[in-house]
Protein backbone atom coordinates (compact mmCIF):
# COMPACT_ATOMS: atom_id res chain seq x y z
CA MET A 1 -8.36 -19.98 -0.28
CA GLY A 2 -9.23 -18.52 3.12
CA ASP A 3 -8.75 -14.96 4.26
CA THR A 4 -5.59 -15.86 6.16
CA ALA A 5 -3.97 -17.23 3.02
CA ILE A 6 -4.91 -14.10 1.09
CA TYR A 7 -3.39 -11.87 3.77
CA ALA A 8 -0.23 -13.98 3.81
CA GLN A 9 0.02 -13.78 0.02
CA TYR A 10 -0.63 -10.04 -0.20
CA PRO A 11 0.60 -8.50 3.08
CA THR A 12 1.54 -5.17 1.50
CA ALA A 13 -1.92 -4.84 -0.03
CA THR A 14 -3.53 -5.58 3.33
CA TRP A 15 -1.36 -3.20 5.32
CA LEU A 16 -1.48 -0.40 2.77
CA THR A 17 -5.28 -0.52 2.72
CA TYR A 18 -5.45 -0.73 6.52
CA TYR A 19 -3.20 2.28 7.13
CA ARG A 20 -4.79 4.31 4.32
CA ILE A 21 -8.27 3.83 5.77
CA LYS A 22 -6.98 4.44 9.30
CA ALA A 23 -5.53 7.76 8.09
CA GLY A 24 -8.88 8.65 6.50
CA LEU A 25 -7.40 8.91 3.02
CA THR A 26 -8.82 7.95 -0.35
CA GLN A 27 -6.62 6.12 -2.82
CA LYS A 28 -6.51 9.30 -4.89
CA ARG A 29 -5.38 11.46 -1.96
CA LEU A 30 -2.75 8.92 -0.88
CA ALA A 31 -1.41 8.82 -4.43
CA GLU A 32 -1.21 12.62 -4.49
CA LEU A 33 0.60 12.79 -1.14
CA ALA A 34 3.04 10.06 -2.20
CA GLY A 35 3.63 11.55 -5.65
CA LEU A 36 2.32 8.43 -7.36
CA ASN A 37 -0.32 7.68 -9.94
CA ILE A 38 -3.61 6.49 -8.45
CA ARG A 39 -3.37 3.35 -10.59
CA GLN A 40 -0.13 2.40 -8.80
CA VAL A 41 -1.88 2.60 -5.43
CA GLN A 42 -4.85 0.63 -6.76
CA LYS A 43 -2.61 -2.12 -8.16
CA ILE A 44 -0.77 -2.51 -4.85
CA GLU A 45 -3.99 -2.57 -2.81
CA ASN A 46 -5.62 -5.06 -5.19
CA GLY A 47 -2.64 -7.40 -4.99
CA GLU A 48 -1.86 -6.91 -8.67
CA THR A 49 1.60 -5.63 -7.72
CA LEU A 50 3.43 -7.44 -4.93
CA ALA A 51 5.88 -5.69 -2.62
CA GLY A 52 8.76 -7.35 -4.44
CA ASN A 53 7.65 -5.69 -7.66
CA THR A 54 7.08 -2.29 -6.06
CA THR A 55 10.13 -0.07 -5.93
CA ALA A 56 11.60 0.82 -2.57
CA LYS A 57 11.18 4.46 -3.55
CA ASN A 58 7.41 3.99 -3.96
CA LEU A 59 7.07 2.07 -0.70
CA LEU A 60 9.01 4.79 1.11
CA ALA A 61 6.82 7.48 -0.46
CA LEU A 62 3.64 5.65 0.59
CA ALA A 63 4.89 5.12 4.13
CA ASP A 64 5.91 8.77 4.38
CA ALA A 65 2.50 9.92 3.11
CA LEU A 66 0.84 7.70 5.72
CA GLY A 67 3.19 8.82 8.49
CA ILE A 68 4.32 5.27 9.27
CA ASP A 69 7.58 3.33 9.28
CA PRO A 70 8.11 1.62 5.89
CA HIS A 71 8.51 -1.84 7.51
CA LYS A 72 4.83 -1.70 8.47
CA LEU A 73 3.92 -2.16 4.80
CA LEU A 74 5.85 -5.43 4.47
């Protein structure tokens, strides 16, 4: 499976990681800002939890912590 296929399969993981790094945040700090457990952030970034299995509340919290529109994580 090529990189493109991985990105297509796990777009939320790709975008979450991209915006987190762009913001200069660690997974731990992002989790703190979003009010989530670090393991939740890790699972999303590792593609273990797909956007469809992540609650809207958590996606909104992550987007808010990153200062981005939520649709950018989908």
